[in-house]
Every structure is written in C-alpha cells, then in structure tokens.
Protein backbone atom coordinates (compact mmCIF):
# COMPACT_ATOMS: atom_id res chain seq x y z
CA UNK A 1 240.01 99.13 140.62
CA UNK A 2 241.43 100.08 137.18
CA UNK A 3 240.82 103.40 135.47
CA UNK A 4 238.08 103.12 132.84
CA UNK A 5 239.55 103.45 129.35
CA UNK A 6 239.18 101.83 125.90
CA UNK A 7 240.54 98.31 125.73
CA UNK A 8 239.50 97.17 129.18
CA UNK A 9 237.35 94.01 129.22
CA UNK A 10 234.49 94.09 131.67
CA UNK A 11 233.35 90.83 133.23
CA UNK A 12 235.32 88.79 130.65
CA UNK A 13 232.92 89.74 127.82
CA UNK A 14 232.50 93.49 127.18
CA UNK A 15 235.47 95.33 125.57
CA UNK A 16 235.32 99.11 126.00
CA UNK A 17 235.69 100.84 122.66
CA UNK A 18 235.02 104.53 123.23
CA UNK A 19 233.35 106.81 125.70
CA UNK A 20 229.89 108.04 124.78
CA UNK A 21 228.78 110.13 127.68
CA UNK A 22 229.92 111.15 131.09
CA UNK A 23 227.54 112.32 133.84
CA UNK A 24 227.94 113.28 137.46
CA UNK A 25 228.26 109.67 138.72
CA UNK A 26 228.41 107.29 135.72
CA UNK A 27 230.13 107.00 132.43
CA UNK A 28 228.78 105.25 129.33
CA UNK A 29 230.95 103.43 126.75
CA UNK A 30 230.36 101.90 123.39
CA UNK A 31 231.43 98.32 124.15
CA UNK A 32 231.55 95.15 122.02
CA UNK A 33 230.54 91.71 123.32
CA UNK A 34 233.47 89.36 123.08
CA UNK A 35 231.41 86.38 121.90
CA UNK A 36 228.62 87.81 119.81
CA UNK A 37 230.34 90.92 118.39
CA UNK A 38 227.27 93.01 119.28
CA UNK A 39 227.81 96.64 120.31
CA UNK A 40 226.11 97.83 123.50
CA UNK A 41 226.02 100.93 125.65
CA UNK A 42 227.78 99.95 128.87
CA UNK A 43 227.06 102.17 131.89
CA UNK A 44 229.67 102.07 134.67
CA UNK A 45 230.46 104.04 137.81
CA UNK A 46 233.23 106.59 137.56
CA UNK A 47 236.32 105.61 139.58
CA UNK A 48 235.63 107.96 142.45
CA UNK A 49 232.16 106.41 143.05
CA UNK A 50 233.28 102.79 142.76
CA UNK A 51 233.21 102.30 146.53
CA UNK A 52 230.06 104.32 147.14
CA UNK A 53 227.37 101.89 148.34
CA UNK A 54 224.46 104.10 147.31
CA UNK A 55 225.88 104.64 143.80
CA UNK A 56 226.47 100.90 143.38
CA UNK A 57 222.93 100.02 144.48
CA UNK A 58 221.37 102.75 142.37
CA UNK A 59 223.09 101.51 139.18
CA UNK A 60 221.97 97.88 139.76
CA UNK A 61 218.51 99.12 140.74
CA UNK A 62 218.30 100.99 137.43
CA UNK A 63 218.86 97.70 135.61
CA UNK A 64 215.92 96.13 137.48
CA UNK A 65 213.63 99.10 136.82
CA UNK A 66 214.52 99.18 133.09
CA UNK A 67 213.60 95.52 132.85
CA UNK A 68 210.29 96.22 134.64
CA UNK A 69 209.65 99.21 132.39
CA UNK A 70 210.27 97.41 129.09
CA UNK A 71 208.62 99.19 126.14
CA UNK A 72 209.52 99.95 122.53
CA UNK A 73 209.97 103.67 123.47
CA UNK A 74 212.20 102.94 126.50
CA UNK A 75 215.84 102.07 126.15
CA UNK A 76 216.29 98.27 126.55
CA UNK A 77 218.40 96.81 129.33
CA UNK A 78 220.31 93.77 128.00
CA UNK A 79 222.51 92.68 130.90
CA UNK A 80 223.87 93.75 134.32
CA UNK A 81 226.30 92.45 136.84
CA UNK A 82 229.39 93.09 138.98
CA UNK A 83 233.03 92.27 138.38
CA UNK A 84 236.17 92.76 140.44
CA UNK A 85 237.87 95.04 137.88
CA UNK A 86 235.24 97.77 137.48
CA UNK A 87 232.39 96.96 139.91
CA UNK A 88 228.74 97.06 138.78
CA UNK A 89 227.70 97.60 135.15
CA UNK A 90 224.55 97.95 133.09
CA UNK A 91 224.47 96.92 129.39
CA UNK A 92 221.82 98.64 127.26
CA UNK A 93 221.00 98.77 123.58
CA UNK A 94 223.28 101.15 121.75
CA UNK A 95 221.27 103.96 120.17
CA UNK A 96 222.23 105.87 117.04
CA UNK A 97 220.75 109.36 116.75
CA UNK A 98 220.45 112.57 118.77
CA UNK A 99 218.98 113.73 122.03
CA UNK A 100 216.02 116.05 121.93
CA UNK A 101 218.12 118.54 123.94
CA UNK A 102 220.71 118.54 121.14
CA UNK A 103 218.07 119.12 118.51
CA UNK A 104 216.50 121.96 120.49
CA UNK A 105 219.90 123.59 121.01
CA UNK A 106 220.10 124.45 117.30
CA UNK A 107 216.40 124.68 116.33
CA UNK A 108 214.24 127.50 117.81
CA UNK A 109 211.10 125.35 117.78
CA UNK A 110 209.68 122.14 116.36
CA UNK A 111 206.49 121.83 114.31
CA UNK A 112 203.33 121.10 116.24
CA UNK A 113 202.73 117.74 114.57
CA UNK A 114 206.25 116.55 115.35
CA UNK A 115 205.85 117.56 118.96
CA UNK A 116 202.54 115.72 119.23
CA UNK A 117 204.15 112.60 117.68
CA UNK A 118 206.94 112.83 120.33
CA UNK A 119 204.50 113.48 123.15
CA UNK A 120 202.07 110.74 122.18
CA UNK A 121 204.84 108.07 121.95
CA UNK A 122 206.34 109.10 125.27
CA UNK A 123 202.92 109.27 126.95
CA UNK A 124 202.20 105.72 125.87
CA UNK A 125 205.57 104.52 127.16
CA UNK A 126 205.21 106.29 130.54
CA UNK A 127 201.63 104.99 130.91
CA UNK A 128 202.97 101.44 130.65
CA UNK A 129 205.87 102.28 132.97
CA UNK A 130 203.39 103.68 135.51
CA UNK A 131 201.17 100.61 135.27
CA UNK A 132 204.17 98.60 136.32
CA UNK A 133 204.70 100.78 139.36
CA UNK A 134 207.68 102.85 138.14
CA UNK A 135 208.01 106.65 138.14
CA UNK A 136 210.78 108.07 136.00
CA UNK A 137 211.06 111.37 137.92
CA UNK A 138 213.55 112.99 135.52
CA UNK A 139 211.80 113.34 132.15
CA UNK A 140 213.53 116.10 130.15
CA UNK A 141 214.86 116.67 126.59
CA UNK A 142 218.36 115.46 127.61
CA UNK A 143 216.79 112.07 128.50
CA UNK A 144 214.76 111.83 125.32
CA UNK A 145 216.56 110.30 122.33
CA UNK A 146 215.58 110.26 118.66
CA UNK A 147 217.06 107.01 117.43
CA UNK A 148 217.21 104.97 114.20
CA UNK A 149 215.35 101.73 114.54
CA UNK A 150 216.43 98.43 112.96
CA UNK A 151 213.77 98.98 110.32
CA UNK A 152 215.27 102.34 109.39
CA UNK A 153 212.63 104.46 111.07
CA UNK A 154 213.00 107.21 113.64
CA UNK A 155 212.05 106.02 117.07
CA UNK A 156 211.63 108.04 120.28
CA UNK A 157 213.43 106.49 123.27
CA UNK A 158 213.28 107.48 126.94
CA UNK A 159 216.39 106.66 128.95
CA UNK A 160 218.21 107.30 132.24
CA UNK A 161 216.18 105.71 135.00
CA UNK A 162 218.88 106.54 137.50
CA UNK A 163 216.52 108.38 139.86
CA UNK A 164 213.41 106.41 139.05
CA UNK A 165 211.29 105.07 141.93
CA UNK A 166 208.91 102.20 142.54
CA UNK A 167 206.64 101.26 145.42
CA UNK A 168 205.66 97.82 144.13
CA UNK A 169 209.16 96.35 144.61
CA UNK A 170 210.67 96.63 148.00
CA UNK A 171 214.29 97.51 147.18
CA UNK A 172 216.21 99.49 149.83
CA UNK A 173 215.13 103.12 149.79
CA UNK A 174 218.03 105.03 148.24
CA UNK A 175 216.51 108.50 148.45
CA UNK A 176 215.99 110.09 151.83
CA UNK A 177 212.45 111.11 152.67
CA UNK A 178 211.97 114.71 151.66
CA UNK A 179 214.99 114.68 149.35
CA UNK A 180 214.68 116.52 145.99
CA UNK A 181 215.65 114.57 142.91
CA UNK A 182 215.39 115.72 139.28
CA UNK A 183 216.07 118.88 137.20
CA UNK A 184 214.30 121.91 138.59
CA UNK A 185 213.04 123.40 135.26
CA UNK A 186 211.12 120.15 134.62
CA UNK A 187 209.90 119.35 138.13
CA UNK A 188 206.32 119.62 139.23
CA UNK A 189 205.51 121.84 142.24
CA UNK A 190 204.86 118.84 144.54
CA UNK A 191 208.25 117.41 143.45
CA UNK A 192 210.08 120.70 144.14
CA UNK A 193 208.46 120.86 147.57
CA UNK A 194 209.47 117.24 148.24
CA UNK A 195 205.89 116.40 149.18
CA UNK A 196 206.36 112.60 149.11
CA UNK A 197 202.70 111.80 149.75
CA UNK A 198 201.66 113.75 146.62
CA UNK A 199 204.32 112.54 144.26
CA UNK A 200 202.85 110.11 141.68
CA UNK A 201 202.42 109.72 137.90
CA UNK A 202 201.58 113.39 137.69
CA UNK A 203 205.24 114.40 138.09
CA UNK A 204 206.12 112.62 134.88
CA UNK A 205 203.09 114.17 133.11
CA UNK A 206 204.24 117.61 134.23
CA UNK A 207 207.84 117.03 133.16
CA UNK A 208 206.80 115.72 129.74
CA UNK A 209 204.53 118.77 129.32
CA UNK A 210 207.42 121.10 130.15
CA UNK A 211 209.56 119.28 127.52
CA UNK A 212 206.84 119.66 124.88
CA UNK A 213 206.29 123.30 125.83
CA UNK A 214 210.07 123.94 125.34
CA UNK A 215 210.05 122.07 122.02
CA UNK A 216 207.23 124.39 120.77
CA UNK A 217 208.40 127.70 122.22
CA UNK A 218 212.18 127.40 122.69
CA UNK A 219 211.96 127.98 126.48
CA UNK A 220 210.78 126.32 129.64
CA UNK A 221 207.93 127.95 131.63
CA UNK A 222 210.33 128.67 134.56
CA UNK A 223 214.11 129.01 134.67
CA UNK A 224 216.61 129.18 137.54
CA UNK A 225 217.55 127.16 140.55
CA UNK A 226 215.19 125.20 142.85
CA UNK A 227 214.32 128.21 145.02
CA UNK A 228 213.85 130.64 142.16
CA UNK A 229 211.60 128.32 140.25
CA UNK A 230 209.51 127.43 143.31
CA UNK A 231 209.08 131.10 144.09
CA UNK A 232 208.03 131.85 140.51
CA UNK A 233 205.47 129.03 140.66
CA UNK A 234 204.03 130.42 143.91
CA UNK A 235 203.99 133.99 142.60
CA UNK A 236 202.42 133.44 139.16
CA UNK A 237 199.13 132.03 137.96
CA UNK A 238 198.94 128.82 135.95
CA UNK A 239 201.37 128.42 133.00
CA UNK A 240 200.09 129.80 129.69
CA UNK A 241 201.66 129.85 126.24
CA UNK A 242 203.14 133.17 125.11
CA UNK A 243 200.85 135.32 122.93
CA UNK A 244 203.39 135.00 120.15
CA UNK A 245 202.82 131.23 119.81
CA UNK A 246 200.80 131.53 116.60
CA UNK A 247 202.27 128.30 115.23
CA UNK A 248 200.93 126.26 118.17
CA UNK A 249 197.26 125.33 117.63
CA UNK A 250 194.94 126.48 120.39
CA UNK A 251 193.70 122.98 121.30
CA UNK A 252 197.30 121.78 121.70
CA UNK A 253 198.09 124.74 123.91
CA UNK A 254 195.19 123.88 126.17
CA UNK A 255 196.16 120.22 126.49
CA UNK A 256 199.72 121.09 127.50
CA UNK A 257 198.59 123.86 129.84
CA UNK A 258 196.32 121.45 131.63
CA UNK A 259 199.23 119.03 132.10
CA UNK A 260 201.20 121.95 133.63
CA UNK A 261 198.58 122.60 136.32
CA UNK A 262 200.08 123.32 139.75
CA UNK A 263 197.65 120.91 141.39
CA UNK A 264 198.28 117.32 140.25
CA UNK A 265 194.55 116.60 140.57
CA UNK A 266 193.90 119.21 137.83
CA UNK A 267 196.10 117.46 135.24
CA UNK A 268 194.89 114.75 132.86
CA UNK A 269 194.93 112.02 135.49
CA UNK A 270 197.10 109.59 133.60
CA UNK A 271 199.66 109.57 130.81
CA UNK A 272 197.22 107.54 128.72
CA UNK A 273 194.69 110.36 128.92
CA UNK A 274 197.41 112.94 128.20
CA UNK A 275 198.48 111.06 125.12
CA UNK A 276 194.97 110.74 123.79
CA UNK A 277 194.37 114.44 124.35
CA UNK A 278 197.57 115.27 122.45
CA UNK A 279 196.58 113.14 119.48
CA UNK A 280 193.14 114.74 119.34
CA UNK A 281 194.56 118.26 119.45
CA UNK A 282 196.32 118.11 116.06
CA UNK A 283 195.44 116.06 112.99
CA UNK A 284 196.83 114.29 111.18
CA UNK A 285 199.55 113.07 113.53
CA UNK A 286 202.58 111.50 111.68
CA UNK A 287 203.51 107.97 112.78
CA UNK A 288 207.09 109.00 113.26
CA UNK A 289 209.24 112.09 113.60
CA UNK A 290 211.70 113.39 110.93
CA UNK A 291 214.21 115.15 113.12
CA UNK A 292 217.53 113.43 112.28
CA UNK A 293 217.88 114.60 108.70
CA UNK A 294 219.09 111.36 107.22
CA UNK A 295 218.78 109.90 103.66
CA UNK A 296 217.32 106.56 102.65
CA UNK A 297 219.57 103.56 101.91
CA UNK A 298 223.06 104.84 102.80
CA UNK A 299 226.02 102.88 101.48
CA UNK A 300 227.73 100.25 103.65
CA UNK A 301 230.18 101.29 106.32
CA UNK A 302 233.79 100.69 105.24
CA UNK A 303 235.42 97.74 107.03
CA UNK A 304 236.96 98.56 110.43
CA UNK A 305 237.61 96.77 113.71
CA UNK A 306 235.10 99.08 115.36
CA UNK A 307 232.32 99.26 112.72
CA UNK A 308 228.77 98.14 113.01
CA UNK A 309 226.54 96.97 110.20
CA UNK A 310 224.78 99.90 108.55
CA UNK A 311 221.01 100.15 108.30
CA UNK A 312 218.63 102.12 106.13
CA UNK A 313 217.11 105.35 107.42
CA UNK A 314 214.00 107.33 106.72
CA UNK A 315 213.62 109.59 103.70
CA UNK A 316 213.55 113.17 104.90
CA UNK A 317 213.80 116.04 102.42
CA UNK A 318 216.43 118.35 103.93
CA UNK A 319 217.90 121.23 101.89
CA UNK A 320 221.65 121.29 101.50
CA UNK A 321 223.10 123.99 103.79
CA UNK A 322 226.71 122.85 104.36
CA UNK A 323 229.66 121.99 102.24
CA UNK A 324 230.14 118.60 103.93
CA UNK A 325 227.38 116.06 104.73
CA UNK A 326 226.87 115.49 108.51
CA UNK A 327 225.38 112.78 110.65
CA UNK A 328 224.37 112.33 114.30
CA UNK A 329 227.23 111.40 116.52
CA UNK A 330 227.47 111.68 120.32
CA UNK A 331 230.78 111.53 122.25
CA UNK A 332 232.41 113.71 124.93
CA UNK A 333 234.70 116.46 123.74
CA UNK A 334 237.16 118.85 125.34
CA UNK A 335 237.56 122.26 123.74
CA UNK A 336 240.97 123.73 124.69
CA UNK A 337 240.77 127.50 124.34
CA UNK A 338 244.15 128.55 125.71
CA UNK A 339 246.85 127.50 128.18
CA UNK A 340 245.01 126.01 131.20
CA UNK A 341 241.51 127.10 129.94
CA UNK A 342 239.06 124.65 128.42
CA UNK A 343 235.41 123.62 128.36
CA UNK A 344 233.93 120.16 128.27
CA UNK A 345 230.86 119.11 126.38
CA UNK A 346 229.62 116.60 123.86
CA UNK A 347 229.11 116.37 120.13
CA UNK A 348 225.68 116.01 118.52
CA UNK A 349 226.74 115.65 114.94
CA UNK A 350 229.93 115.36 112.87
CA UNK A 351 231.23 115.95 109.34
CA UNK A 352 234.53 116.20 107.57
CA UNK A 353 234.20 119.94 108.09
CA UNK A 354 233.58 120.11 111.83
CA UNK A 355 231.46 119.34 114.85
CA UNK A 356 228.38 120.57 116.65
CA UNK A 357 229.32 120.84 120.32
CA UNK A 358 226.96 121.32 123.27
CA UNK A 359 228.62 122.82 126.35
CA UNK A 360 227.71 124.61 129.56
CA UNK A 361 229.04 127.95 128.25
CA UNK A 362 229.96 129.53 124.93
CA UNK A 363 233.58 129.89 123.77
CA UNK A 364 234.90 133.36 123.03
CA UNK A 365 238.18 132.02 121.58
CA UNK A 366 238.90 132.59 117.87
CA UNK A 367 240.87 129.37 117.57
CA UNK A 368 240.67 126.20 119.70
CA UNK A 369 241.83 122.62 119.80
CA UNK A 370 239.08 120.06 120.09
CA UNK A 371 239.75 116.53 121.41
CA UNK A 372 237.24 113.73 120.63
CA UNK A 373 237.01 110.06 119.74
CA UNK A 374 236.62 109.09 116.06
CA UNK A 375 233.27 107.43 115.31
CA UNK A 376 234.50 104.06 113.95
CA UNK A 377 237.87 103.27 115.56
CA UNK A 378 237.36 105.22 118.74
CA UNK A 379 240.87 106.73 118.39
CA UNK A 380 241.27 110.00 120.31
CA UNK A 381 242.36 112.88 118.07
CA UNK A 382 243.18 116.56 118.69
CA UNK A 383 242.15 118.86 115.87
CA UNK A 384 242.62 122.63 115.53
CA UNK A 385 239.24 124.36 114.88
CA UNK A 386 237.53 127.72 114.93
CA UNK A 387 234.01 128.51 116.31
CA UNK A 388 231.90 129.54 113.33
CA UNK A 389 228.71 130.30 115.30
CA UNK A 390 227.42 130.12 118.84
CA UNK A 391 223.82 129.88 120.04
CA UNK A 392 223.15 130.63 123.68
CA UNK A 393 220.21 128.67 124.96
CA UNK A 394 220.41 126.28 127.96
CA UNK A 395 224.20 126.35 127.96
CA UNK A 396 225.60 126.82 124.46
CA UNK A 397 225.64 125.18 121.04
CA UNK A 398 228.91 125.80 119.15
CA UNK A 399 229.56 125.07 115.52
CA UNK A 400 233.27 124.22 115.12
CA UNK A 401 235.01 124.20 111.76
CA UNK A 402 238.10 121.99 111.49
CA UNK A 403 241.13 123.97 110.32
CA UNK A 404 243.24 120.91 109.47
CA UNK A 405 242.15 117.30 109.71
CA UNK A 406 244.47 114.33 109.40
CA UNK A 407 243.71 112.41 106.15
CA UNK A 408 243.14 109.16 108.04
CA UNK A 409 240.66 110.83 110.43
CA UNK A 410 239.00 112.54 107.45
CA UNK A 411 238.52 109.21 105.69
CA UNK A 412 237.02 107.58 108.81
CA UNK A 413 234.58 110.47 109.44
CA UNK A 414 233.59 110.45 105.73
CA UNK A 415 232.93 106.74 105.90
CA UNK A 416 230.84 107.03 109.02
CA UNK A 417 228.76 109.96 107.73
CA UNK A 418 228.17 108.20 104.38
CA UNK A 419 227.06 105.00 106.13
CA UNK A 420 224.68 106.95 108.33
CA UNK A 421 223.08 108.57 105.28
CA UNK A 422 224.30 112.01 106.26
CA UNK A 423 223.08 115.09 104.45
CA UNK A 424 224.44 118.57 104.08
C-alpha cells in the first residue's frame, strides 16, 4: 500500500492532483481521468484504514447508496472499484463552490428566502432518497454544498453518505445495533437514544430543520456532547426560535419548530410535506440561492496542466469590500504558529491577498506560516501570513493576509480567481 500523494495513478485511470478534504477515515482528492481528461473528486481510505474491513465495506457501500439516491441535489457517484495500490475508491462529480458550514462561519445569518430555497431543494432531494429506502443520517451544514452548475447557476448539493442506511437492500450491517452515528447537535432525540425501531425519515427532517434554524439564527438549538445535548432535550420544552428573531417570519418559525418536535410523529411526516410547508411560509421563493458572490461570464482560465474549462456563474450584486477579488476554494491547510505548534483546517475562499481558513480553534499568533495547495497546479506552497480577524463560532474562522507571496503563486491564484468570476 503506497502513501496517498499527488501523482499516484489509481486503478490505471485516475491521477491524483491535489488533496481537497481529509476526514476521520477518508481523504478526497481532485483527480483527472487518464483517458477523458475529466476531473473528479476521488474518495479513498487513509493509509491507516486500508486494511480495516468495516471501513472498506462502508466506502463501497456509500457508492451503492449514492447511485440509489441519484438526484440533482445529491452529489453524483461516477465510478467505484478496488485496486492493489490504494484499495477501494469512489469517484464523484467534482464540485466548485463552498459548504454551508463555511458560509455560516463568516455570516451571522442568512435571509429567510435563501434559507427556504435551500430547505426546499434539500427536502425534495431527501424525499426522493427516502422513497428509495435510504436514510442519510448525517445532514448538517458541513455536508451541504453550494455549487456552480454547468449552466452557471448555484445548485445545492447534499453529500457524504458515509453513515447512510437502507433497509431495502440487504448489505451486511456495518453499524452495531444501538450504536450512535451522526453529529450530536443535528441528531433527533430518537437517534441520540439509539432507538433503532423509531429511527426513520424523521431523523433527516429533524437534522435539516436544525441546519435551517442555524442558518437563520447563527446557532443550533442545543450545543455540547451527546450526553449534554440529550439532557438538554429532556430538560427543556420543545424548541422555539429566540424572541430576537424578528427577521424570521412567524410562519417559517412554526414550520421549522414543528420539524424539531421531540416526538417524530409530531413532525411533518415526510420531507415532501416539510418542503411544501417551507415554500408556503415565505413568498416569493427564489429559484436559486445567491451565496457564492460570483460575477457573470468570468474570463477563461489561463492554460495549465491542472486547469479545468471555466463556466459562467450567476450575477450577484456584491459590494466591493476587499482589495483583492476572491473566489471559493476548498483545500486542507496547515497553519504553523510556532516551533512545534500548529493547527489544521481547510480554506473556503482564496485571493491574491490571503485565505479564509476554518479550523477547530482560533489562532492567537501574530504571524504564521500557512501551507496549502495552489488551485490550478496543486503545488504545495508555504506562505508567511498574519491573522487579520477571527470569528469564534463552531470552531473558528480566520482571515489570513499573505505577507509575501511568490510571483508565480500570485499569478496562478489571480488566474483562478478571475476564471471563477471572483469579486472583492
């Protein structure tokens, strides 16, 4: 088993270009198909899990569930397989944009109409997923992506079916009976209690409602670990919006509060019903979000061995606030604060002037070195930077300003941002 790094060819056809994201078990790369030249998101097991039977089966099972759950608002599975060099892999469409978690890290709240647009699209997708016998079980802002479509529109995408479950297909059961899977802040009471006989579509309705509640208010209804959240649920009445939520229409509050009912039988009954109720609570509902802040008709990406064809993006009036235009860009980063001290996170956008970094904790250093992959070539660079601002939410959002950027790296970042239609 070889270490996963750019340049490795998976199954004789996918060349790894740059790392996009690293989770607890898997790592995702931007990879290019050797015969078609198409870029894909290739999900692989990290080296230490390569021999773990459960991890192997879960990744291949995710490929089957994504195929079963095919929908325009669900990330598309393109291919899957095994090879001697790296083990199992899952190839998915490569999305360009930002996670909802990244957007919420730097915005206190979203407008009600945008939240309804998000919620309605995801409700429709989850309704179809449920009709095909699949439960996602981990709906949250970090697994919701705002992407550019091929037509240049913003499109909401649900991804990460790593802990999804189905009863219609009889794959080996990979989760022990009574085991708790998911993220506690977004888990329904019956899911936190591991009440297997009560877990159904309502857990995804509840999780989506928590995500929408957070998008509207800037906080989840409950915060803490499994035990703390379960205790808070038991000790408090049903979830209600804060009194200070004047910007959230009353009908929308009631729709989301019903979806947050402790008893699954008291919720809307289906994601289809939830979506219809959301649409009826606020009018008019836009047909797409405008959360990425990109211009229409960006110029063509400069030639490069790692470039992709550029596409047009939606016209969103965004006031200039920065010296350098920025664009969405996700890749892992390491922020080195001092000798032997660092924090790991990921970018959410990039410009010639700096990066937006999401991490588990804030940085108190006045000067750091940030290591990341450039957006076109995938080359790893180390750049001195200073934290200009920090927002403490779930973890931390850190605005880093580059102190000195190599001219070649500056040219590559400028070309990428320009091609993406970046704005200041």
